[in-house]
Amino acid sequence: MDSQTKKNNPFYFNGKVGEYFGIWIVNVLLTILTLGIYSAWAKVRNKQYFYGNTELADESFEYLAKPLQILVGRIIAVVLLIAWATLPAVSEAASVILGLAFVALMPVLVVRNLRFDCRVTRYRNVRFNFSGSYGGAYMALFVLPVLYVLGFMLVVSAVIFVSSLISPVVAGIVGVVVVGLGATYMYALMTTQMSRYVLNGYQWGELQFIAEIDVNAVFKVFLKVAAIGLLATLVLMLALAGIAFAAFNADFSQLGGVLMQLSQGGLQDALSSQTVILGLLAAVYLSFFLLGWFVTAYLQACLRNYQFGQTELDGQLYMNSEVKPLAFLGVMLSNMLICVFSLGLAIPLAKIRMAKFIADATSVTGDITHIATQNQVSDTKAAIADEVADAFSIEIGVI
């Protein structure tokens, strides 16, 4: 590999809080004044700002969708949502049929959503594309998950049955281990299938992305995160138990009394009489809330780093991700706090910070200039599926 093919090209995000705040506040005000109609233009302006300020190898990305494309799709999505919400008052059967039809069409909407997002994205005058098939989407979203669940249930039932012939205690222990490991492996299998389908479906011009996602590697990530989560939970519970023991002098009946007061709606009485105990309960809630965030951030960071590390473009460009889990958690938490305490006015600051953080952790290895092509992918007429998918919150959190 020569110096050019080994060249590392980091992403840069050049957006500024002051600039984006102006776009954001105008988008919010006009969307309210037009009863939501302007939201299509707002989405395009937002995307254009973030794409236009994301730079790779001295070139920025472009977002090419037209607001009217999105508006038409969004109107249809709203009509479908209204029909979905009002049909039960007219006909339960029709509501069920509409719900089943939506579930059945979900893989199609996912594919259309991915395809549209790719086709309106351009870099160096070359559009992206998504070439994943509808059949592949049904396999990854429906068929394989159902088969995995059935196989998992069959294996667990068989193992527990055989173990019960030895001893009920053995059956209980084996059941907990098999269910824990089996469920983790099953989730890793589903994540792997979805990642393979999505990542291998991306194209840049005529060049195909290739991602070799290994289920055992994904399983190790899940196991590592689960072990950290369990260990942190154990340490947290021991620490809280020690604090509670010291605070109550081993008289835990006080804690039961406070919980009884809260269950009976006596929040004011509880506040006035047992502030220490309520403080401890608040500390427990906050501790497990932060632990949940940490586990989520750690999992997302590890999966992203692994998936990017396994992804290349036609054997010529190689993706890299070095998201540090603790730093990622710090950005997530601080963003949440500044948004809450600013009553939402700091949302632009939070988005800019996260965009910079993700860009700083991402790079591409290879000679981008040399392999840039002029292949265009057309047909961006319909944003309908994209907006229907957005309206029903259909997302695939692969990257």
Protein backbone atom coordinates (compact mmCIF):
# COMPACT_ATOMS: atom_id res chain seq x y z
CA MET A 1 0.00 0.00 0.00
CA ASP A 2 1.59 3.32 -1.05
CA SER A 3 1.44 6.60 0.84
CA GLN A 4 -1.68 7.80 -1.02
CA THR A 5 -3.71 4.64 -0.41
CA LYS A 6 -2.73 4.78 3.27
CA LYS A 7 -3.63 8.45 3.59
CA ASN A 8 -5.98 9.12 6.46
CA ASN A 9 -8.73 11.65 5.71
CA PRO A 10 -10.47 12.93 8.84
CA PHE A 11 -13.97 14.38 8.78
CA TYR A 12 -14.42 17.99 9.88
CA PHE A 13 -17.58 19.74 10.93
CA ASN A 14 -17.34 23.50 10.47
CA GLY A 15 -20.79 24.55 11.69
CA LYS A 16 -21.07 27.43 14.15
CA VAL A 17 -23.63 27.79 16.91
CA GLY A 18 -24.50 31.41 16.04
CA GLU A 19 -25.10 30.58 12.38
CA TYR A 20 -27.21 27.52 13.06
CA PHE A 21 -29.21 29.22 15.81
CA GLY A 22 -30.50 31.73 13.24
CA ILE A 23 -31.60 28.91 10.91
CA TRP A 24 -33.12 26.91 13.75
CA ILE A 25 -35.14 29.71 15.33
CA VAL A 26 -36.56 30.82 11.96
CA ASN A 27 -37.47 27.20 11.18
CA VAL A 28 -39.27 26.83 14.52
CA LEU A 29 -41.19 30.11 14.23
CA LEU A 30 -42.25 29.60 10.60
CA THR A 31 -43.26 26.00 11.28
CA ILE A 32 -45.52 27.18 14.11
CA LEU A 33 -46.97 30.10 12.11
CA THR A 34 -47.74 27.86 9.10
CA LEU A 35 -49.18 25.07 11.27
CA GLY A 36 -46.43 22.68 10.25
CA ILE A 37 -46.40 23.28 6.50
CA TYR A 38 -42.99 24.96 6.63
CA SER A 39 -41.51 21.89 8.36
CA ALA A 40 -40.59 20.44 4.94
CA TRP A 41 -38.51 23.54 4.15
CA ALA A 42 -37.12 23.48 7.70
CA LYS A 43 -35.94 19.90 7.27
CA VAL A 44 -34.16 20.72 4.02
CA ARG A 45 -32.50 23.85 5.50
CA ASN A 46 -31.30 21.87 8.52
CA LYS A 47 -29.91 19.04 6.42
CA GLN A 48 -28.27 21.42 3.97
CA TYR A 49 -26.53 23.25 6.81
CA PHE A 50 -25.16 20.11 8.44
CA TYR A 51 -24.21 18.39 5.16
CA GLY A 52 -22.67 21.57 3.78
CA ASN A 53 -20.51 22.00 6.87
CA THR A 54 -19.33 18.39 6.94
CA GLU A 55 -16.01 18.22 5.14
CA LEU A 56 -13.93 15.25 3.98
CA ALA A 57 -10.68 15.65 2.03
CA ASP A 58 -11.35 19.38 1.43
CA GLU A 59 -14.82 18.75 -0.06
CA SER A 60 -18.17 19.08 1.69
CA PHE A 61 -21.34 17.03 1.26
CA GLU A 62 -24.56 18.22 -0.36
CA TYR A 63 -28.21 17.57 0.49
CA LEU A 64 -30.29 17.74 -2.69
CA ALA A 65 -33.88 17.02 -1.63
CA LYS A 66 -36.58 19.52 -2.61
CA PRO A 67 -39.03 20.78 0.03
CA LEU A 68 -42.07 20.05 -2.16
CA GLN A 69 -40.99 16.41 -2.50
CA ILE A 70 -40.95 16.14 1.27
CA LEU A 71 -44.15 18.13 1.77
CA VAL A 72 -46.21 15.80 -0.46
CA GLY A 73 -44.91 12.76 1.36
CA ARG A 74 -45.49 14.43 4.72
CA ILE A 75 -49.13 15.26 3.87
CA ILE A 76 -49.79 11.64 2.94
CA ALA A 77 -48.11 10.51 6.16
CA VAL A 78 -50.32 12.84 8.23
CA VAL A 79 -53.47 11.58 6.46
CA LEU A 80 -52.43 8.00 7.23
CA LEU A 81 -51.78 8.88 10.87
CA ILE A 82 -55.19 10.53 11.20
CA ALA A 83 -56.86 7.51 9.57
CA TRP A 84 -54.99 5.21 11.90
CA ALA A 85 -56.05 7.22 14.96
CA THR A 86 -59.72 7.61 14.00
CA LEU A 87 -60.50 4.25 12.39
CA PRO A 88 -61.12 2.40 15.69
CA ALA A 89 -64.16 4.64 16.27
CA VAL A 90 -65.57 3.61 12.89
CA SER A 91 -64.51 0.00 12.48
CA GLU A 92 -62.25 -2.11 14.65
CA ALA A 93 -61.73 -4.55 11.77
CA ALA A 94 -60.62 -1.78 9.40
CA SER A 95 -58.24 -0.46 12.05
CA VAL A 96 -56.70 -3.91 12.50
CA ILE A 97 -56.37 -4.37 8.73
CA LEU A 98 -54.67 -0.98 8.38
CA GLY A 99 -52.31 -1.82 11.24
CA LEU A 100 -51.40 -5.20 9.70
CA ALA A 101 -50.92 -3.60 6.29
CA PHE A 102 -48.57 -1.06 7.81
CA VAL A 103 -46.55 -3.77 9.56
CA ALA A 104 -46.43 -5.82 6.36
CA LEU A 105 -45.19 -2.81 4.38
CA MET A 106 -42.65 -1.69 6.98
CA PRO A 107 -39.61 -3.29 5.21
CA VAL A 108 -40.64 -1.57 1.96
CA LEU A 109 -40.84 1.78 3.76
CA VAL A 110 -37.44 1.18 5.34
CA VAL A 111 -35.85 0.46 1.95
CA ARG A 112 -37.50 3.48 0.34
CA ASN A 113 -36.38 5.64 3.23
CA LEU A 114 -32.75 4.51 2.96
CA ARG A 115 -32.80 4.83 -0.83
CA PHE A 116 -34.21 8.34 -0.80
CA ASP A 117 -31.79 9.58 1.86
CA CYS A 118 -28.87 8.22 -0.15
CA ARG A 119 -30.00 9.56 -3.50
CA VAL A 120 -30.35 13.11 -2.20
CA THR A 121 -26.83 13.00 -0.76
CA ARG A 122 -23.91 13.98 -2.98
CA TYR A 123 -20.16 14.19 -2.48
CA ARG A 124 -17.75 15.41 -5.14
CA ASN A 125 -20.65 15.51 -7.62
CA VAL A 126 -21.31 11.80 -7.11
CA ARG A 127 -24.55 10.69 -5.50
CA PHE A 128 -24.94 7.93 -2.98
CA ASN A 129 -27.44 5.12 -3.48
CA PHE A 130 -28.94 2.21 -1.60
CA SER A 131 -29.25 -1.00 -3.62
CA GLY A 132 -30.60 -3.35 -0.95
CA SER A 133 -33.51 -5.46 -2.19
CA TYR A 134 -37.00 -5.64 -0.74
CA GLY A 135 -36.55 -9.39 -0.30
CA GLY A 136 -33.42 -8.79 1.74
CA ALA A 137 -35.28 -6.30 3.93
CA TYR A 138 -38.08 -8.81 4.62
CA MET A 139 -35.48 -11.45 5.49
CA ALA A 140 -33.54 -9.14 7.83
CA LEU A 141 -36.57 -7.54 9.48
CA PHE A 142 -39.15 -10.35 9.56
CA VAL A 143 -38.13 -13.86 8.55
CA LEU A 144 -34.76 -14.25 10.29
CA PRO A 145 -35.81 -12.60 13.59
CA VAL A 146 -38.85 -14.91 13.79
CA LEU A 147 -36.70 -17.97 13.07
CA TYR A 148 -34.13 -16.85 15.67
CA VAL A 149 -36.82 -16.39 18.33
CA LEU A 150 -38.39 -19.78 17.58
CA GLY A 151 -35.01 -21.51 17.61
CA PHE A 152 -34.06 -19.76 20.86
CA MET A 153 -37.30 -20.82 22.55
CA LEU A 154 -36.83 -24.40 21.33
CA VAL A 155 -33.25 -24.63 22.61
CA VAL A 156 -34.08 -23.06 25.98
CA SER A 157 -37.05 -25.38 26.48
CA ALA A 158 -34.98 -28.45 25.62
CA VAL A 159 -32.07 -27.46 27.89
CA ILE A 160 -34.31 -26.66 30.85
CA PHE A 161 -36.27 -29.91 30.36
CA VAL A 162 -33.10 -32.01 30.34
CA SER A 163 -31.70 -30.10 33.34
CA SER A 164 -34.92 -30.60 35.29
CA LEU A 165 -34.43 -34.35 35.03
CA ILE A 166 -31.30 -33.87 37.16
CA SER A 167 -32.57 -31.36 39.70
CA PRO A 168 -34.91 -28.34 39.85
CA VAL A 169 -32.02 -26.27 41.23
CA VAL A 170 -29.78 -27.28 38.35
CA ALA A 171 -32.62 -26.48 35.93
CA GLY A 172 -32.98 -23.01 37.48
CA ILE A 173 -29.27 -22.20 37.30
CA VAL A 174 -28.87 -23.59 33.79
CA GLY A 175 -32.05 -21.79 32.70
CA VAL A 176 -30.77 -18.40 33.87
CA VAL A 177 -27.40 -18.91 32.15
CA VAL A 178 -28.88 -20.22 28.90
CA VAL A 179 -31.56 -17.53 28.72
CA GLY A 180 -29.04 -14.75 29.46
CA LEU A 181 -26.41 -15.91 26.99
CA GLY A 182 -28.95 -17.12 24.44
CA ALA A 183 -30.92 -13.88 24.40
CA THR A 184 -27.68 -11.90 24.05
CA TYR A 185 -26.51 -14.07 21.16
CA MET A 186 -29.92 -13.87 19.50
CA TYR A 187 -29.87 -10.07 19.71
CA ALA A 188 -26.33 -10.09 18.30
CA LEU A 189 -27.54 -12.26 15.40
CA MET A 190 -30.38 -9.85 14.61
CA THR A 191 -28.06 -6.84 14.81
CA THR A 192 -25.52 -8.57 12.57
CA GLN A 193 -28.09 -9.44 9.90
CA MET A 194 -29.47 -5.92 9.86
CA SER A 195 -25.99 -4.38 9.75
CA ARG A 196 -24.93 -6.62 6.86
CA TYR A 197 -28.07 -5.80 4.91
CA VAL A 198 -27.85 -2.03 5.37
CA LEU A 199 -24.09 -1.49 5.11
CA ASN A 200 -23.66 -3.74 2.08
CA GLY A 201 -26.51 -1.94 0.33
CA TYR A 202 -24.82 1.46 0.23
CA GLN A 203 -23.14 2.75 -2.92
CA TRP A 204 -21.19 5.86 -3.84
CA GLY A 205 -21.71 6.24 -7.55
CA GLU A 206 -20.93 2.82 -8.99
CA LEU A 207 -18.70 1.80 -6.09
CA GLN A 208 -20.21 -0.63 -3.61
CA PHE A 209 -19.71 -0.51 0.16
CA ILE A 210 -18.63 -3.85 1.61
CA ALA A 211 -19.03 -4.68 5.29
CA GLU A 212 -17.91 -8.01 6.74
CA ILE A 213 -19.81 -8.06 10.02
CA ASP A 214 -19.03 -11.10 12.16
CA VAL A 215 -21.70 -12.26 14.59
CA ASN A 216 -19.12 -13.48 17.12
CA ALA A 217 -17.49 -10.05 17.21
CA VAL A 218 -20.87 -8.38 17.75
CA PHE A 219 -21.67 -10.97 20.42
CA LYS A 220 -18.43 -10.07 22.22
CA VAL A 221 -19.42 -6.40 22.18
CA PHE A 222 -22.80 -7.23 23.71
CA LEU A 223 -21.21 -9.53 26.30
CA LYS A 224 -18.67 -6.88 27.24
CA VAL A 225 -21.35 -4.23 27.64
CA ALA A 226 -23.57 -6.64 29.62
CA ALA A 227 -20.68 -7.54 31.93
CA ILE A 228 -19.85 -3.87 32.53
CA GLY A 229 -23.52 -3.10 33.13
CA LEU A 230 -23.95 -5.97 35.61
CA LEU A 231 -20.73 -5.14 37.44
CA ALA A 232 -21.65 -1.45 37.66
CA THR A 233 -25.14 -2.38 38.90
CA LEU A 234 -23.65 -4.62 41.59
CA VAL A 235 -21.18 -1.95 42.75
CA LEU A 236 -23.92 0.66 42.73
CA MET A 237 -26.29 -1.47 44.78
CA LEU A 238 -23.59 -2.28 47.33
CA ALA A 239 -22.66 1.40 47.66
CA LEU A 240 -26.28 2.46 48.05
CA ALA A 241 -26.91 -0.34 50.54
CA GLY A 242 -23.92 0.84 52.58
CA ILE A 243 -25.15 4.44 52.55
CA ALA A 244 -28.66 3.33 53.52
CA PHE A 245 -27.31 1.15 56.33
CA ALA A 246 -25.34 4.06 57.74
CA ALA A 247 -28.20 6.56 57.32
CA PHE A 248 -30.85 4.40 59.00
CA ASN A 249 -28.67 2.72 61.62
CA ALA A 250 -29.86 -0.60 60.26
CA ASP A 251 -33.52 0.36 60.87
CA PHE A 252 -34.93 -0.09 57.36
CA SER A 253 -38.51 0.13 58.60
CA GLN A 254 -38.15 3.94 58.06
CA LEU A 255 -37.65 3.30 54.36
CA GLY A 256 -40.77 1.15 54.24
CA GLY A 257 -42.73 3.91 55.94
CA VAL A 258 -41.68 6.49 53.38
CA LEU A 259 -42.53 4.21 50.49
CA MET A 260 -45.95 3.63 52.07
CA GLN A 261 -46.49 7.41 52.38
CA LEU A 262 -45.54 7.95 48.74
CA SER A 263 -47.83 5.15 47.54
CA GLN A 264 -50.72 6.79 49.42
CA GLY A 265 -50.06 10.18 47.82
CA GLY A 266 -48.47 11.70 50.92
CA LEU A 267 -45.59 13.34 49.10
CA GLN A 268 -45.68 16.51 51.24
CA ASP A 269 -45.66 14.57 54.50
CA ALA A 270 -42.83 12.42 53.25
CA LEU A 271 -40.86 15.49 52.20
CA SER A 272 -41.26 17.17 55.56
CA SER A 273 -40.43 14.16 57.69
CA GLN A 274 -37.96 12.04 55.78
CA THR A 275 -35.79 14.23 53.58
CA VAL A 276 -32.77 11.97 54.04
CA ILE A 277 -34.66 8.93 52.83
CA LEU A 278 -36.16 10.78 49.89
CA GLY A 279 -32.72 12.06 49.03
CA LEU A 280 -31.49 8.50 49.03
CA LEU A 281 -34.35 7.37 46.78
CA ALA A 282 -33.58 10.25 44.41
CA ALA A 283 -29.92 9.21 44.43
CA VAL A 284 -30.92 5.63 43.56
CA TYR A 285 -33.08 6.80 40.67
CA LEU A 286 -30.42 9.19 39.37
CA SER A 287 -27.68 6.56 39.69
CA PHE A 288 -29.56 3.97 37.65
CA PHE A 289 -30.61 6.61 35.12
CA LEU A 290 -26.97 7.55 34.58
CA LEU A 291 -25.99 3.89 34.46
CA GLY A 292 -28.58 3.29 31.72
CA TRP A 293 -27.14 6.21 29.73
CA PHE A 294 -23.62 4.93 30.20
CA VAL A 295 -24.49 1.42 28.99
CA THR A 296 -26.38 2.81 26.00
CA ALA A 297 -23.55 5.19 25.06
CA TYR A 298 -20.92 2.48 25.51
CA LEU A 299 -22.85 0.04 23.31
CA GLN A 300 -23.47 2.60 20.57
CA ALA A 301 -19.82 3.69 20.56
CA CYS A 302 -18.44 0.13 20.47
CA LEU A 303 -20.84 -1.02 17.75
CA ARG A 304 -20.13 2.05 15.62
CA ASN A 305 -16.38 1.62 15.95
CA TYR A 306 -16.60 -2.07 15.00
CA GLN A 307 -19.02 -1.59 12.09
CA PHE A 308 -17.00 1.27 10.60
CA GLY A 309 -13.81 -0.72 11.02
CA GLN A 310 -15.31 -3.54 8.96
CA THR A 311 -16.60 -1.31 6.18
CA GLU A 312 -14.76 -0.44 2.98
CA LEU A 313 -15.65 1.03 -0.37
CA ASP A 314 -14.82 -1.33 -3.21
CA GLY A 315 -11.51 -2.25 -1.60
CA GLN A 316 -10.20 1.30 -2.11
CA LEU A 317 -11.46 3.38 0.80
CA TYR A 318 -11.66 2.21 4.41
CA MET A 319 -13.93 3.66 7.10
CA ASN A 320 -12.61 4.37 10.61
CA SER A 321 -14.41 5.31 13.81
CA GLU A 322 -12.77 6.05 17.16
CA VAL A 323 -15.66 7.17 19.34
CA LYS A 324 -14.60 7.11 23.00
CA PRO A 325 -17.55 5.82 25.07
CA LEU A 326 -16.98 8.02 28.14
CA ALA A 327 -16.51 11.14 26.03
CA PHE A 328 -19.62 10.22 24.04
CA LEU A 329 -21.56 9.84 27.29
CA GLY A 330 -20.25 13.21 28.47
CA VAL A 331 -21.48 14.95 25.33
CA MET A 332 -24.87 13.24 25.53
CA LEU A 333 -25.40 14.13 29.19
CA SER A 334 -24.15 17.69 28.96
CA ASN A 335 -26.31 18.25 25.86
CA MET A 336 -29.36 16.99 27.73
CA LEU A 337 -28.65 19.28 30.71
CA ILE A 338 -28.07 22.43 28.67
CA CYS A 339 -31.25 21.77 26.68
CA VAL A 340 -33.31 21.24 29.84
CA PHE A 341 -31.96 24.29 31.71
CA SER A 342 -32.22 26.54 28.66
CA LEU A 343 -35.84 25.42 28.07
CA GLY A 344 -34.86 24.13 24.63
CA LEU A 345 -33.10 27.27 23.39
CA ALA A 346 -29.73 25.49 23.50
CA ILE A 347 -30.82 22.76 21.07
CA PRO A 348 -28.67 24.30 18.27
CA LEU A 349 -25.64 24.25 20.58
CA ALA A 350 -26.30 20.60 21.45
CA LYS A 351 -26.61 19.59 17.79
CA ILE A 352 -23.45 21.43 16.77
CA ARG A 353 -21.47 19.87 19.65
CA MET A 354 -22.61 16.36 18.75
CA ALA A 355 -21.89 16.88 15.04
CA LYS A 356 -18.36 18.08 15.83
CA PHE A 357 -17.77 15.19 18.22
CA ILE A 358 -18.89 12.55 15.69
CA ALA A 359 -16.91 14.17 12.86
CA ASP A 360 -13.75 14.32 14.97
CA ALA A 361 -14.04 10.56 15.64
CA THR A 362 -14.53 9.56 11.99
CA SER A 363 -12.11 9.24 9.09
CA VAL A 364 -11.57 7.50 5.77
CA THR A 365 -8.31 5.87 4.69
CA GLY A 366 -7.38 5.93 0.99
CA ASP A 367 -6.90 8.21 -1.99
CA ILE A 368 -10.34 9.80 -2.28
CA THR A 369 -9.41 12.17 -5.08
CA HIS A 370 -8.10 9.35 -7.25
CA ILE A 371 -11.20 7.18 -7.07
CA ALA A 372 -13.84 9.93 -7.23
CA THR A 373 -16.15 9.22 -10.16
CA GLN A 374 -18.85 11.10 -11.98
CA ASN A 375 -21.50 8.40 -11.84
CA GLN A 376 -24.86 9.93 -11.11
CA VAL A 377 -27.83 8.16 -9.58
CA SER A 378 -31.08 9.78 -10.57
CA ASP A 379 -34.78 9.24 -9.69
CA THR A 380 -35.33 11.35 -6.61
CA LYS A 381 -38.93 12.16 -7.40
CA ALA A 382 -40.69 10.56 -4.49
CA ALA A 383 -40.10 11.37 -0.85
CA ILE A 384 -43.37 9.72 0.16
CA ALA A 385 -41.92 6.62 1.76
CA ASP A 386 -39.29 8.71 3.54
CA GLU A 387 -41.88 10.89 5.24
CA VAL A 388 -44.25 8.02 6.01
CA ALA A 389 -41.33 6.26 7.67
CA ASP A 390 -40.46 9.43 9.61
CA ALA A 391 -44.05 9.90 10.74
CA PHE A 392 -44.23 6.39 12.17
CA SER A 393 -40.69 6.66 13.61
CA ILE A 394 -39.26 3.87 11.48
CA GLU A 395 -35.51 3.89 11.88
CA ILE A 396 -32.75 1.35 11.66
CA GLY A 397 -30.08 2.28 14.13
CA VAL A 398 -27.22 0.64 12.32
CA ILE A 399 -24.87 3.62 12.35
